[in-house]
Amino acid sequence: MLSVAEEKVSRRAIAKEHRRQQLIDSTIKCISKKGLRSTTLADVAREAGLSQGIVNLHFNSKDNLLNETLKFLAVEYDREFMRTIEKSPDDAGATLLALMKMDLKPAICDRKKLAVWFAFWGEVRSVPTYQKICAAYDDKYDEIIFDLANTIIQEGNYADIDAKTVAEALSSLTDGLWLSCLVNPKTFDRGTALNSVMSYLCAVFPDHYQNENRH
């Protein structure tokens, strides 16, 4: 049982974490509306309904706030990515498709979050910290998708198909669908997007996907 002092410390820690998350959520909203460079600490404070001093207290600077916002998005995506793998059957084809479906879920393929992702990606080359955060996760996902594609190739004895090429194609396809969701919200359709993914998988791995009602 916690002492009175320990309970106070615990409550303060929870309140601090809640406030930080509130500010990160507000930062996401601001960036989705104004972009990275135009977003100010005053904007974030106003969006959160707090004083700018509170923002400074928790993050000290805009750079720190942006770094923590990118980390939050990266961890959130990573958590969903790994959860999808854990929930999938022990089957490379099913797992690969589950990951492709995950990328089109409303919680992931969300215009507000996508606007923020693309904003950060646009600054990756000029901001080493962003590049470091993104690269660490991207390398992990690329390796997992490559391994799944390679397993499918071996299972199906597919000739003249390169796992790296498949992984890069799926990544490019996902990026393109995300961009379509961001810039063409009125015409973007998740069902049509998934059909695009299925068409590619059926073309490359017909024995695994062609006649299966996995979608």
N, C-alpha and C. Protein backbone atom coordinates (compact mmCIF):
# COMPACT_ATOMS: atom_id res chain seq x y z
N MET A 1 0.84 -1.20 0.00
CA MET A 1 0.00 0.00 0.00
C MET A 1 0.88 1.25 0.00
N LEU A 2 0.55 2.22 -0.88
CA LEU A 2 1.35 3.43 -0.98
C LEU A 2 1.11 4.35 0.20
N SER A 3 2.18 5.04 0.61
CA SER A 3 2.04 6.04 1.66
C SER A 3 1.38 7.28 1.06
N VAL A 4 0.99 8.22 1.92
CA VAL A 4 0.38 9.46 1.45
C VAL A 4 1.32 10.20 0.51
N ALA A 5 2.60 10.26 0.89
CA ALA A 5 3.60 10.95 0.06
C ALA A 5 3.76 10.26 -1.28
N GLU A 6 3.79 8.93 -1.28
CA GLU A 6 3.94 8.18 -2.53
C GLU A 6 2.73 8.36 -3.43
N GLU A 7 1.54 8.43 -2.83
CA GLU A 7 0.32 8.65 -3.61
C GLU A 7 0.34 10.03 -4.27
N LYS A 8 0.85 11.03 -3.56
CA LYS A 8 0.94 12.38 -4.12
C LYS A 8 1.90 12.40 -5.31
N VAL A 9 3.04 11.72 -5.14
CA VAL A 9 4.03 11.65 -6.22
C VAL A 9 3.43 10.96 -7.44
N SER A 10 2.68 9.87 -7.18
CA SER A 10 2.06 9.11 -8.26
C SER A 10 1.03 9.96 -9.00
N ARG A 11 0.22 10.69 -8.25
CA ARG A 11 -0.80 11.56 -8.86
C ARG A 11 -0.16 12.65 -9.70
N ARG A 12 0.95 13.21 -9.18
CA ARG A 12 1.65 14.25 -9.94
C ARG A 12 2.20 13.69 -11.25
N ALA A 13 2.75 12.49 -11.18
CA ALA A 13 3.32 11.87 -12.38
C ALA A 13 2.24 11.62 -13.43
N ILE A 14 1.07 11.14 -12.96
CA ILE A 14 -0.05 10.88 -13.88
C ILE A 14 -0.54 12.19 -14.49
N ALA A 15 -0.65 13.23 -13.66
CA ALA A 15 -1.11 14.53 -14.15
C ALA A 15 -0.12 15.11 -15.16
N LYS A 16 1.16 14.94 -14.89
CA LYS A 16 2.20 15.43 -15.79
C LYS A 16 2.13 14.72 -17.14
N GLU A 17 1.98 13.41 -17.09
CA GLU A 17 1.90 12.63 -18.34
C GLU A 17 0.64 13.00 -19.12
N HIS A 18 -0.46 13.21 -18.41
CA HIS A 18 -1.71 13.62 -19.06
C HIS A 18 -1.54 14.97 -19.75
N ARG A 19 -0.89 15.91 -19.08
CA ARG A 19 -0.69 17.25 -19.65
C ARG A 19 0.22 17.18 -20.88
N ARG A 20 1.28 16.38 -20.80
CA ARG A 20 2.18 16.23 -21.94
C ARG A 20 1.43 15.65 -23.14
N GLN A 21 0.60 14.64 -22.89
CA GLN A 21 -0.15 14.03 -23.98
C GLN A 21 -1.15 15.03 -24.57
N GLN A 22 -1.75 15.83 -23.71
CA GLN A 22 -2.69 16.85 -24.17
C GLN A 22 -1.98 17.83 -25.12
N LEU A 23 -0.76 18.19 -24.78
CA LEU A 23 0.00 19.13 -25.60
C LEU A 23 0.45 18.49 -26.91
N ILE A 24 0.80 17.21 -26.87
CA ILE A 24 1.19 16.50 -28.09
C ILE A 24 -0.01 16.38 -29.03
N ASP A 25 -1.16 16.05 -28.47
CA ASP A 25 -2.38 15.95 -29.27
C ASP A 25 -2.70 17.31 -29.93
N SER A 26 -2.50 18.37 -29.18
CA SER A 26 -2.75 19.70 -29.72
C SER A 26 -1.73 20.06 -30.80
N THR A 27 -0.51 19.60 -30.62
CA THR A 27 0.53 19.84 -31.63
C THR A 27 0.17 19.15 -32.93
N ILE A 28 -0.34 17.92 -32.84
CA ILE A 28 -0.76 17.18 -34.03
C ILE A 28 -1.85 17.96 -34.77
N LYS A 29 -2.80 18.48 -34.03
CA LYS A 29 -3.89 19.25 -34.65
C LYS A 29 -3.35 20.51 -35.33
N CYS A 30 -2.43 21.18 -34.66
CA CYS A 30 -1.88 22.41 -35.22
C CYS A 30 -1.06 22.15 -36.48
N ILE A 31 -0.21 21.13 -36.44
CA ILE A 31 0.62 20.82 -37.61
C ILE A 31 -0.24 20.41 -38.79
N SER A 32 -1.32 19.66 -38.51
CA SER A 32 -2.19 19.22 -39.59
C SER A 32 -2.88 20.41 -40.28
N LYS A 33 -3.01 21.51 -39.55
CA LYS A 33 -3.66 22.70 -40.10
C LYS A 33 -2.65 23.68 -40.71
N LYS A 34 -1.49 23.84 -40.05
CA LYS A 34 -0.58 24.92 -40.43
C LYS A 34 0.79 24.46 -40.92
N GLY A 35 1.12 23.17 -40.71
CA GLY A 35 2.44 22.70 -41.08
C GLY A 35 3.42 22.84 -39.94
N LEU A 36 4.61 22.26 -40.11
CA LEU A 36 5.61 22.27 -39.04
C LEU A 36 6.14 23.67 -38.75
N ARG A 37 6.59 24.34 -39.78
CA ARG A 37 7.28 25.61 -39.58
C ARG A 37 6.36 26.73 -39.12
N SER A 38 5.11 26.67 -39.53
CA SER A 38 4.17 27.75 -39.16
C SER A 38 3.57 27.55 -37.78
N THR A 39 3.64 26.33 -37.27
CA THR A 39 3.10 26.05 -35.93
C THR A 39 4.00 26.66 -34.86
N THR A 40 3.42 27.39 -33.94
CA THR A 40 4.18 28.00 -32.85
C THR A 40 3.73 27.43 -31.51
N LEU A 41 4.52 27.68 -30.49
CA LEU A 41 4.14 27.23 -29.15
C LEU A 41 2.85 27.92 -28.71
N ALA A 42 2.67 29.14 -29.16
CA ALA A 42 1.43 29.87 -28.82
C ALA A 42 0.23 29.18 -29.45
N ASP A 43 0.41 28.69 -30.68
CA ASP A 43 -0.68 27.96 -31.35
C ASP A 43 -1.06 26.72 -30.55
N VAL A 44 -0.04 25.97 -30.13
CA VAL A 44 -0.27 24.73 -29.39
C VAL A 44 -0.96 25.03 -28.07
N ALA A 45 -0.49 26.05 -27.37
CA ALA A 45 -1.10 26.43 -26.09
C ALA A 45 -2.57 26.82 -26.28
N ARG A 46 -2.83 27.60 -27.32
CA ARG A 46 -4.20 28.03 -27.60
C ARG A 46 -5.09 26.84 -27.94
N GLU A 47 -4.58 25.91 -28.74
CA GLU A 47 -5.34 24.71 -29.12
C GLU A 47 -5.66 23.86 -27.89
N ALA A 48 -4.71 23.79 -26.96
CA ALA A 48 -4.88 22.99 -25.75
C ALA A 48 -5.68 23.72 -24.67
N GLY A 49 -5.87 25.03 -24.85
CA GLY A 49 -6.57 25.81 -23.84
C GLY A 49 -5.72 26.06 -22.61
N LEU A 50 -4.40 26.16 -22.85
CA LEU A 50 -3.46 26.35 -21.75
C LEU A 50 -2.58 27.56 -22.03
N SER A 51 -1.78 27.94 -21.06
CA SER A 51 -0.86 29.05 -21.25
C SER A 51 0.41 28.57 -21.94
N GLN A 52 1.09 29.48 -22.63
CA GLN A 52 2.34 29.10 -23.30
C GLN A 52 3.39 28.69 -22.28
N GLY A 53 3.27 29.24 -21.08
CA GLY A 53 4.22 28.87 -20.02
C GLY A 53 4.14 27.39 -19.69
N ILE A 54 2.94 26.81 -19.76
CA ILE A 54 2.76 25.38 -19.50
C ILE A 54 3.48 24.56 -20.57
N VAL A 55 3.40 25.02 -21.81
CA VAL A 55 4.08 24.33 -22.90
C VAL A 55 5.59 24.37 -22.66
N ASN A 56 6.10 25.54 -22.31
CA ASN A 56 7.53 25.68 -22.04
C ASN A 56 7.96 24.84 -20.85
N LEU A 57 7.10 24.75 -19.84
CA LEU A 57 7.42 23.97 -18.65
C LEU A 57 7.63 22.51 -18.98
N HIS A 58 6.79 21.96 -19.88
CA HIS A 58 6.86 20.54 -20.19
C HIS A 58 7.86 20.20 -21.30
N PHE A 59 8.11 21.14 -22.23
CA PHE A 59 8.95 20.80 -23.38
C PHE A 59 10.12 21.75 -23.61
N ASN A 60 10.14 22.87 -22.94
CA ASN A 60 11.25 23.83 -23.01
C ASN A 60 11.39 24.57 -24.34
N SER A 61 11.14 23.88 -25.45
CA SER A 61 11.31 24.52 -26.75
C SER A 61 10.42 23.86 -27.80
N LYS A 62 10.26 24.55 -28.91
CA LYS A 62 9.47 24.00 -30.01
C LYS A 62 10.13 22.75 -30.57
N ASP A 63 11.46 22.77 -30.67
CA ASP A 63 12.17 21.59 -31.19
C ASP A 63 11.89 20.36 -30.34
N ASN A 64 11.95 20.51 -29.04
CA ASN A 64 11.67 19.38 -28.15
C ASN A 64 10.23 18.89 -28.31
N LEU A 65 9.31 19.82 -28.43
CA LEU A 65 7.91 19.46 -28.59
C LEU A 65 7.70 18.69 -29.89
N LEU A 66 8.32 19.15 -30.97
CA LEU A 66 8.17 18.46 -32.26
C LEU A 66 8.82 17.08 -32.21
N ASN A 67 9.98 16.98 -31.58
CA ASN A 67 10.64 15.68 -31.47
C ASN A 67 9.78 14.69 -30.71
N GLU A 68 9.19 15.15 -29.62
CA GLU A 68 8.35 14.27 -28.82
C GLU A 68 7.05 13.91 -29.55
N THR A 69 6.55 14.81 -30.36
CA THR A 69 5.36 14.52 -31.14
C THR A 69 5.65 13.45 -32.18
N LEU A 70 6.78 13.56 -32.85
CA LEU A 70 7.16 12.55 -33.83
C LEU A 70 7.39 11.19 -33.15
N LYS A 71 8.03 11.21 -31.99
CA LYS A 71 8.26 9.96 -31.26
C LYS A 71 6.92 9.31 -30.88
N PHE A 72 5.97 10.14 -30.45
CA PHE A 72 4.66 9.61 -30.08
C PHE A 72 4.00 8.92 -31.26
N LEU A 73 4.00 9.56 -32.42
CA LEU A 73 3.39 8.97 -33.61
C LEU A 73 4.10 7.68 -34.00
N ALA A 74 5.43 7.69 -33.90
CA ALA A 74 6.21 6.51 -34.27
C ALA A 74 5.92 5.34 -33.34
N VAL A 75 5.86 5.61 -32.05
CA VAL A 75 5.58 4.56 -31.07
C VAL A 75 4.16 4.04 -31.23
N GLU A 76 3.22 4.95 -31.48
CA GLU A 76 1.82 4.55 -31.67
C GLU A 76 1.70 3.61 -32.87
N TYR A 77 2.35 3.96 -33.97
CA TYR A 77 2.31 3.11 -35.16
C TYR A 77 3.00 1.77 -34.89
N ASP A 78 4.14 1.83 -34.22
CA ASP A 78 4.89 0.61 -33.93
C ASP A 78 4.07 -0.34 -33.06
N ARG A 79 3.36 0.22 -32.10
CA ARG A 79 2.53 -0.61 -31.21
C ARG A 79 1.45 -1.34 -32.01
N GLU A 80 0.81 -0.63 -32.93
CA GLU A 80 -0.24 -1.23 -33.75
C GLU A 80 0.34 -2.25 -34.73
N PHE A 81 1.50 -1.95 -35.25
CA PHE A 81 2.18 -2.85 -36.19
C PHE A 81 2.51 -4.18 -35.51
N MET A 82 3.11 -4.11 -34.34
CA MET A 82 3.51 -5.33 -33.63
C MET A 82 2.29 -6.08 -33.10
N ARG A 83 1.25 -5.34 -32.69
CA ARG A 83 0.02 -5.98 -32.22
C ARG A 83 -0.63 -6.76 -33.37
N THR A 84 -0.58 -6.21 -34.56
CA THR A 84 -1.15 -6.88 -35.73
C THR A 84 -0.43 -8.19 -36.01
N ILE A 85 0.88 -8.17 -35.89
CA ILE A 85 1.67 -9.40 -36.10
C ILE A 85 1.32 -10.44 -35.05
N GLU A 86 1.23 -10.00 -33.80
CA GLU A 86 0.93 -10.92 -32.70
C GLU A 86 -0.44 -11.57 -32.85
N LYS A 87 -1.40 -10.81 -33.39
CA LYS A 87 -2.77 -11.32 -33.53
C LYS A 87 -2.96 -12.16 -34.78
N SER A 88 -2.00 -12.09 -35.70
CA SER A 88 -2.13 -12.83 -36.96
C SER A 88 -1.76 -14.29 -36.78
N PRO A 89 -2.34 -15.18 -37.59
CA PRO A 89 -1.97 -16.60 -37.52
C PRO A 89 -0.52 -16.80 -37.95
N ASP A 90 0.01 -17.94 -37.64
CA ASP A 90 1.40 -18.24 -37.99
C ASP A 90 1.48 -18.60 -39.47
N ASP A 91 1.27 -17.58 -40.29
CA ASP A 91 1.21 -17.76 -41.73
C ASP A 91 1.69 -16.47 -42.37
N ALA A 92 2.74 -16.54 -43.18
CA ALA A 92 3.35 -15.34 -43.75
C ALA A 92 2.38 -14.58 -44.64
N GLY A 93 1.62 -15.29 -45.46
CA GLY A 93 0.66 -14.64 -46.35
C GLY A 93 -0.40 -13.88 -45.59
N ALA A 94 -0.97 -14.51 -44.57
CA ALA A 94 -2.01 -13.87 -43.77
C ALA A 94 -1.46 -12.68 -43.00
N THR A 95 -0.24 -12.81 -42.49
CA THR A 95 0.36 -11.73 -41.72
C THR A 95 0.67 -10.53 -42.60
N LEU A 96 1.19 -10.79 -43.78
CA LEU A 96 1.50 -9.70 -44.70
C LEU A 96 0.23 -8.94 -45.08
N LEU A 97 -0.83 -9.65 -45.38
CA LEU A 97 -2.08 -9.01 -45.73
C LEU A 97 -2.66 -8.23 -44.55
N ALA A 98 -2.53 -8.79 -43.36
CA ALA A 98 -3.03 -8.11 -42.15
C ALA A 98 -2.31 -6.78 -41.95
N LEU A 99 -1.03 -6.76 -42.23
CA LEU A 99 -0.26 -5.52 -42.09
C LEU A 99 -0.68 -4.49 -43.13
N MET A 100 -0.97 -4.96 -44.34
CA MET A 100 -1.43 -4.05 -45.39
C MET A 100 -2.81 -3.47 -45.02
N LYS A 101 -3.66 -4.31 -44.47
CA LYS A 101 -4.98 -3.85 -44.03
C LYS A 101 -4.84 -2.85 -42.88
N MET A 102 -3.91 -3.11 -41.99
CA MET A 102 -3.68 -2.21 -40.86
C MET A 102 -3.35 -0.81 -41.34
N ASP A 103 -2.54 -0.71 -42.39
CA ASP A 103 -2.14 0.59 -42.90
C ASP A 103 -3.31 1.40 -43.46
N LEU A 104 -4.43 0.74 -43.71
CA LEU A 104 -5.60 1.42 -44.25
C LEU A 104 -6.72 1.61 -43.22
N LYS A 105 -6.48 1.16 -41.99
CA LYS A 105 -7.46 1.34 -40.94
C LYS A 105 -7.64 2.83 -40.63
N PRO A 106 -8.85 3.25 -40.27
CA PRO A 106 -9.09 4.66 -39.97
C PRO A 106 -8.15 5.23 -38.90
N ALA A 107 -7.77 4.43 -37.93
CA ALA A 107 -6.89 4.91 -36.87
C ALA A 107 -5.48 5.21 -37.38
N ILE A 108 -5.08 4.54 -38.47
CA ILE A 108 -3.76 4.73 -39.05
C ILE A 108 -3.83 5.66 -40.25
N CYS A 109 -4.71 5.33 -41.17
CA CYS A 109 -4.90 6.14 -42.39
C CYS A 109 -5.88 7.26 -42.06
N ASP A 110 -5.41 8.18 -41.23
CA ASP A 110 -6.21 9.29 -40.72
C ASP A 110 -5.63 10.59 -41.29
N ARG A 111 -6.44 11.42 -41.93
CA ARG A 111 -5.93 12.61 -42.62
C ARG A 111 -5.13 13.53 -41.70
N LYS A 112 -5.58 13.70 -40.48
CA LYS A 112 -4.88 14.59 -39.56
C LYS A 112 -3.49 14.06 -39.25
N LYS A 113 -3.40 12.77 -38.93
CA LYS A 113 -2.10 12.18 -38.62
C LYS A 113 -1.22 12.09 -39.87
N LEU A 114 -1.84 11.77 -41.01
CA LEU A 114 -1.06 11.68 -42.25
C LEU A 114 -0.46 13.03 -42.61
N ALA A 115 -1.20 14.10 -42.38
CA ALA A 115 -0.68 15.44 -42.66
C ALA A 115 0.57 15.70 -41.83
N VAL A 116 0.55 15.23 -40.60
CA VAL A 116 1.70 15.42 -39.71
C VAL A 116 2.87 14.53 -40.15
N TRP A 117 2.57 13.27 -40.49
CA TRP A 117 3.63 12.38 -40.97
C TRP A 117 4.32 12.98 -42.18
N PHE A 118 3.54 13.41 -43.16
CA PHE A 118 4.14 13.96 -44.38
C PHE A 118 4.90 15.25 -44.09
N ALA A 119 4.44 16.01 -43.12
CA ALA A 119 5.15 17.23 -42.74
C ALA A 119 6.53 16.90 -42.19
N PHE A 120 6.58 15.89 -41.33
CA PHE A 120 7.88 15.48 -40.77
C PHE A 120 8.77 14.86 -41.85
N TRP A 121 8.18 14.01 -42.69
CA TRP A 121 8.97 13.38 -43.76
C TRP A 121 9.58 14.43 -44.68
N GLY A 122 8.87 15.52 -44.87
CA GLY A 122 9.38 16.59 -45.73
C GLY A 122 10.59 17.29 -45.15
N GLU A 123 10.81 17.14 -43.83
CA GLU A 123 11.93 17.79 -43.16
C GLU A 123 13.04 16.81 -42.78
N VAL A 124 12.87 15.54 -43.12
CA VAL A 124 13.81 14.50 -42.68
C VAL A 124 15.24 14.80 -43.11
N ARG A 125 15.42 15.23 -44.34
CA ARG A 125 16.77 15.46 -44.84
C ARG A 125 17.49 16.61 -44.15
N SER A 126 16.74 17.59 -43.70
CA SER A 126 17.36 18.77 -43.10
C SER A 126 17.40 18.72 -41.57
N VAL A 127 16.68 17.76 -40.98
CA VAL A 127 16.67 17.66 -39.51
C VAL A 127 17.11 16.25 -39.12
N PRO A 128 18.37 16.07 -38.74
CA PRO A 128 18.91 14.75 -38.40
C PRO A 128 18.11 13.99 -37.35
N THR A 129 17.54 14.72 -36.39
CA THR A 129 16.77 14.06 -35.33
C THR A 129 15.55 13.36 -35.91
N TYR A 130 14.85 14.00 -36.82
CA TYR A 130 13.69 13.38 -37.46
C TYR A 130 14.12 12.15 -38.24
N GLN A 131 15.23 12.30 -38.95
CA GLN A 131 15.74 11.19 -39.76
C GLN A 131 16.08 9.99 -38.88
N LYS A 132 16.69 10.26 -37.74
CA LYS A 132 17.08 9.19 -36.82
C LYS A 132 15.86 8.46 -36.27
N ILE A 133 14.85 9.21 -35.88
CA ILE A 133 13.63 8.62 -35.32
C ILE A 133 12.93 7.77 -36.37
N CYS A 134 12.76 8.31 -37.56
CA CYS A 134 12.05 7.59 -38.62
C CYS A 134 12.82 6.38 -39.11
N ALA A 135 14.13 6.53 -39.29
CA ALA A 135 14.94 5.45 -39.84
C ALA A 135 14.94 4.22 -38.93
N ALA A 136 14.98 4.44 -37.64
CA ALA A 136 15.02 3.31 -36.70
C ALA A 136 13.81 2.41 -36.87
N TYR A 137 12.65 3.01 -37.04
CA TYR A 137 11.42 2.22 -37.22
C TYR A 137 11.29 1.71 -38.64
N ASP A 138 11.61 2.55 -39.63
CA ASP A 138 11.47 2.14 -41.02
C ASP A 138 12.33 0.91 -41.33
N ASP A 139 13.54 0.89 -40.81
CA ASP A 139 14.42 -0.25 -41.05
C ASP A 139 13.82 -1.53 -40.47
N LYS A 140 13.21 -1.40 -39.31
CA LYS A 140 12.56 -2.55 -38.66
C LYS A 140 11.41 -3.07 -39.51
N TYR A 141 10.54 -2.16 -39.98
CA TYR A 141 9.39 -2.58 -40.78
C TYR A 141 9.82 -3.17 -42.11
N ASP A 142 10.82 -2.55 -42.73
CA ASP A 142 11.31 -3.05 -44.02
C ASP A 142 11.82 -4.48 -43.89
N GLU A 143 12.51 -4.74 -42.78
CA GLU A 143 13.05 -6.08 -42.57
C GLU A 143 11.94 -7.11 -42.36
N ILE A 144 10.92 -6.73 -41.61
CA ILE A 144 9.80 -7.64 -41.35
C ILE A 144 9.04 -7.94 -42.64
N ILE A 145 8.73 -6.91 -43.41
CA ILE A 145 8.01 -7.11 -44.68
C ILE A 145 8.86 -7.94 -45.63
N PHE A 146 10.16 -7.68 -45.67
CA PHE A 146 11.07 -8.46 -46.51
C PHE A 146 11.05 -9.93 -46.11
N ASP A 147 11.12 -10.19 -44.81
CA ASP A 147 11.13 -11.58 -44.33
C ASP A 147 9.82 -12.30 -44.68
N LEU A 148 8.70 -11.59 -44.55
CA LEU A 148 7.41 -12.20 -44.88
C LEU A 148 7.34 -12.50 -46.38
N ALA A 149 7.77 -11.55 -47.20
CA ALA A 149 7.75 -11.76 -48.65
C ALA A 149 8.69 -12.90 -49.04
N ASN A 150 9.83 -12.96 -48.40
CA ASN A 150 10.81 -14.01 -48.70
C ASN A 150 10.26 -15.38 -48.33
N THR A 151 9.56 -15.46 -47.21
CA THR A 151 8.95 -16.73 -46.79
C THR A 151 7.89 -17.17 -47.80
N ILE A 152 7.07 -16.23 -48.26
CA ILE A 152 6.04 -16.56 -49.24
C ILE A 152 6.68 -17.05 -50.55
N ILE A 153 7.75 -16.39 -50.95
CA ILE A 153 8.46 -16.80 -52.18
C ILE A 153 8.97 -18.23 -52.07
N GLN A 154 9.51 -18.56 -50.91
CA GLN A 154 10.03 -19.92 -50.70
C GLN A 154 8.89 -20.93 -50.63
N GLU A 155 7.82 -20.57 -49.95
CA GLU A 155 6.67 -21.48 -49.84
C GLU A 155 6.06 -21.78 -51.21
N GLY A 156 5.95 -20.76 -52.03
CA GLY A 156 5.29 -20.93 -53.32
C GLY A 156 6.21 -21.26 -54.47
N ASN A 157 7.51 -21.34 -54.15
CA ASN A 157 8.51 -21.59 -55.21
C ASN A 157 8.33 -20.61 -56.37
N TYR A 158 8.13 -19.34 -56.01
CA TYR A 158 7.94 -18.32 -57.04
C TYR A 158 9.29 -17.98 -57.67
N ALA A 159 9.36 -18.12 -58.97
CA ALA A 159 10.61 -17.85 -59.68
C ALA A 159 10.67 -16.40 -60.12
N ASP A 160 11.87 -15.86 -60.16
CA ASP A 160 12.11 -14.50 -60.66
C ASP A 160 11.35 -13.43 -59.89
N ILE A 161 11.13 -13.68 -58.60
CA ILE A 161 10.50 -12.67 -57.74
C ILE A 161 11.47 -12.36 -56.61
N ASP A 162 11.75 -11.09 -56.45
CA ASP A 162 12.72 -10.65 -55.45
C ASP A 162 11.99 -10.06 -54.24
N ALA A 163 12.31 -10.56 -53.06
CA ALA A 163 11.63 -10.13 -51.84
C ALA A 163 11.84 -8.64 -51.56
N LYS A 164 13.03 -8.15 -51.84
CA LYS A 164 13.31 -6.73 -51.60
C LYS A 164 12.46 -5.86 -52.51
N THR A 165 12.31 -6.28 -53.76
CA THR A 165 11.50 -5.53 -54.71
C THR A 165 10.04 -5.49 -54.26
N VAL A 166 9.54 -6.64 -53.79
CA VAL A 166 8.16 -6.72 -53.30
C VAL A 166 7.97 -5.80 -52.11
N ALA A 167 8.91 -5.84 -51.16
CA ALA A 167 8.81 -5.00 -49.96
C ALA A 167 8.81 -3.52 -50.33
N GLU A 168 9.67 -3.13 -51.26
CA GLU A 168 9.74 -1.73 -51.67
C GLU A 168 8.47 -1.32 -52.41
N ALA A 169 7.93 -2.22 -53.22
CA ALA A 169 6.70 -1.93 -53.97
C ALA A 169 5.53 -1.73 -53.01
N LEU A 170 5.43 -2.59 -52.00
CA LEU A 170 4.33 -2.46 -51.03
C LEU A 170 4.45 -1.17 -50.23
N SER A 171 5.68 -0.81 -49.88
CA SER A 171 5.90 0.43 -49.15
C SER A 171 5.50 1.64 -50.01
N SER A 172 5.89 1.61 -51.28
CA SER A 172 5.53 2.70 -52.19
C SER A 172 4.02 2.76 -52.41
N LEU A 173 3.40 1.59 -52.49
CA LEU A 173 1.95 1.53 -52.68
C LEU A 173 1.22 2.13 -51.48
N THR A 174 1.67 1.77 -50.30
CA THR A 174 1.06 2.31 -49.08
C THR A 174 1.24 3.82 -49.01
N ASP A 175 2.46 4.29 -49.29
CA ASP A 175 2.71 5.74 -49.26
C ASP A 175 1.80 6.47 -50.24
N GLY A 176 1.62 5.87 -51.42
CA GLY A 176 0.76 6.49 -52.42
C GLY A 176 -0.69 6.54 -51.99
N LEU A 177 -1.15 5.48 -51.36
CA LEU A 177 -2.53 5.44 -50.88
C LEU A 177 -2.74 6.43 -49.74
N TRP A 178 -1.75 6.55 -48.86
CA TRP A 178 -1.83 7.54 -47.79
C TRP A 178 -1.90 8.96 -48.35
N LEU A 179 -1.07 9.21 -49.38
CA LEU A 179 -1.08 10.54 -49.99
C LEU A 179 -2.43 10.83 -50.64
N SER A 180 -3.00 9.81 -51.26
CA SER A 180 -4.32 9.96 -51.89
C SER A 180 -5.37 10.28 -50.83
N CYS A 181 -5.29 9.62 -49.70
CA CYS A 181 -6.22 9.87 -48.59
C CYS A 181 -6.08 11.31 -48.11
N LEU A 182 -4.85 11.80 -48.07
CA LEU A 182 -4.59 13.15 -47.57
C LEU A 182 -5.07 14.23 -48.53
N VAL A 183 -4.77 14.07 -49.82
CA VAL A 183 -5.06 15.15 -50.77
C VAL A 183 -6.40 15.00 -51.49
N ASN A 184 -6.94 13.79 -51.49
CA ASN A 184 -8.22 13.57 -52.17
C ASN A 184 -9.24 12.90 -51.23
N PRO A 185 -9.55 13.53 -50.11
CA PRO A 185 -10.43 12.90 -49.12
C PRO A 185 -11.83 12.58 -49.63
N LYS A 186 -12.33 13.38 -50.57
CA LYS A 186 -13.68 13.16 -51.06
C LYS A 186 -13.79 11.94 -51.98
N THR A 187 -12.71 11.62 -52.66
CA THR A 187 -12.75 10.50 -53.60
C THR A 187 -12.05 9.25 -53.06
N PHE A 188 -11.27 9.41 -51.98
CA PHE A 188 -10.54 8.26 -51.44
C PHE A 188 -11.53 7.27 -50.82
N ASP A 189 -11.34 6.01 -51.16
CA ASP A 189 -12.21 4.95 -50.64
C ASP A 189 -11.33 3.81 -50.12
N ARG A 190 -11.52 3.43 -48.87
CA ARG A 190 -10.66 2.40 -48.27
C ARG A 190 -10.83 1.05 -48.96
N GLY A 191 -12.06 0.74 -49.37
CA GLY A 191 -12.29 -0.52 -50.06
C GLY A 191 -11.54 -0.59 -51.38
N THR A 192 -11.58 0.50 -52.12
CA THR A 192 -10.86 0.56 -53.39
C THR A 192 -9.36 0.49 -53.16
N ALA A 193 -8.91 1.15 -52.10
CA ALA A 193 -7.48 1.13 -51.76
C ALA A 193 -7.03 -0.29 -51.44
N LEU A 194 -7.84 -1.00 -50.66
CA LEU A 194 -7.49 -2.37 -50.32
C LEU A 194 -7.49 -3.26 -51.56
N ASN A 195 -8.41 -3.01 -52.47
CA ASN A 195 -8.43 -3.77 -53.71
C ASN A 195 -7.15 -3.56 -54.51
N SER A 196 -6.59 -2.37 -54.44
CA SER A 196 -5.33 -2.10 -55.12
C SER A 196 -4.21 -2.95 -54.54
N VAL A 197 -4.20 -3.04 -53.22
CA VAL A 197 -3.19 -3.87 -52.55
C VAL A 197 -3.39 -5.33 -52.92
N MET A 198 -4.65 -5.78 -52.89
CA MET A 198 -4.94 -7.17 -53.22
C MET A 198 -4.57 -7.49 -54.66
N SER A 199 -4.80 -6.55 -55.57
CA SER A 199 -4.46 -6.78 -56.98
C SER A 199 -2.97 -7.00 -57.14
N TYR A 200 -2.18 -6.22 -56.41
CA TYR A 200 -0.73 -6.40 -56.48
C TYR A 200 -0.32 -7.74 -55.89
N LEU A 201 -0.84 -8.08 -54.72
CA LEU A 201 -0.47 -9.34 -54.08
C LEU A 201 -0.91 -10.54 -54.93
N CYS A 202 -2.09 -10.45 -55.53
CA CYS A 202 -2.57 -11.53 -56.39
C CYS A 202 -1.68 -11.70 -57.61
N ALA A 203 -1.20 -10.59 -58.14
CA ALA A 203 -0.36 -10.64 -59.33
C ALA A 203 1.01 -11.24 -59.02
N VAL A 204 1.54 -10.91 -57.85
CA VAL A 204 2.88 -11.37 -57.49
C VAL A 204 2.87 -12.76 -56.88
N PHE A 205 1.88 -13.01 -56.02
CA PHE A 205 1.79 -14.29 -55.31
C PHE A 205 0.44 -14.95 -55.57
N PRO A 206 0.15 -15.36 -56.79
CA PRO A 206 -1.18 -15.90 -57.14
C PRO A 206 -1.58 -17.14 -56.35
N ASP A 207 -0.65 -17.99 -56.01
CA ASP A 207 -0.99 -19.21 -55.27
C ASP A 207 -1.39 -18.91 -53.83
N HIS A 208 -0.98 -17.77 -53.32
CA HIS A 208 -1.29 -17.41 -51.94
C HIS A 208 -2.55 -16.55 -51.83
N TYR A 209 -2.85 -15.76 -52.85
CA TYR A 209 -3.93 -14.79 -52.73
C TYR A 209 -5.02 -14.87 -53.79
N GLN A 210 -4.70 -15.38 -54.98
CA GLN A 210 -5.60 -15.25 -56.12
C GLN A 210 -7.03 -15.67 -55.85
N ASN A 211 -7.20 -16.85 -55.32
CA ASN A 211 -8.56 -17.37 -55.15
C ASN A 211 -9.03 -17.41 -53.71
N GLU A 212 -8.36 -16.63 -52.89
CA GLU A 212 -8.71 -16.64 -51.48
C GLU A 212 -9.52 -15.41 -51.12
N ASN A 213 -10.54 -15.61 -50.37
CA ASN A 213 -11.41 -14.49 -49.95
C ASN A 213 -10.87 -13.87 -48.67
N ARG A 214 -9.62 -13.37 -48.73
CA ARG A 214 -8.99 -12.83 -47.54
C ARG A 214 -9.37 -11.38 -47.30
N HIS A 215 -9.95 -10.74 -48.27
CA HIS A 215 -10.29 -9.33 -48.10
C HIS A 215 -11.76 -9.13 -47.84
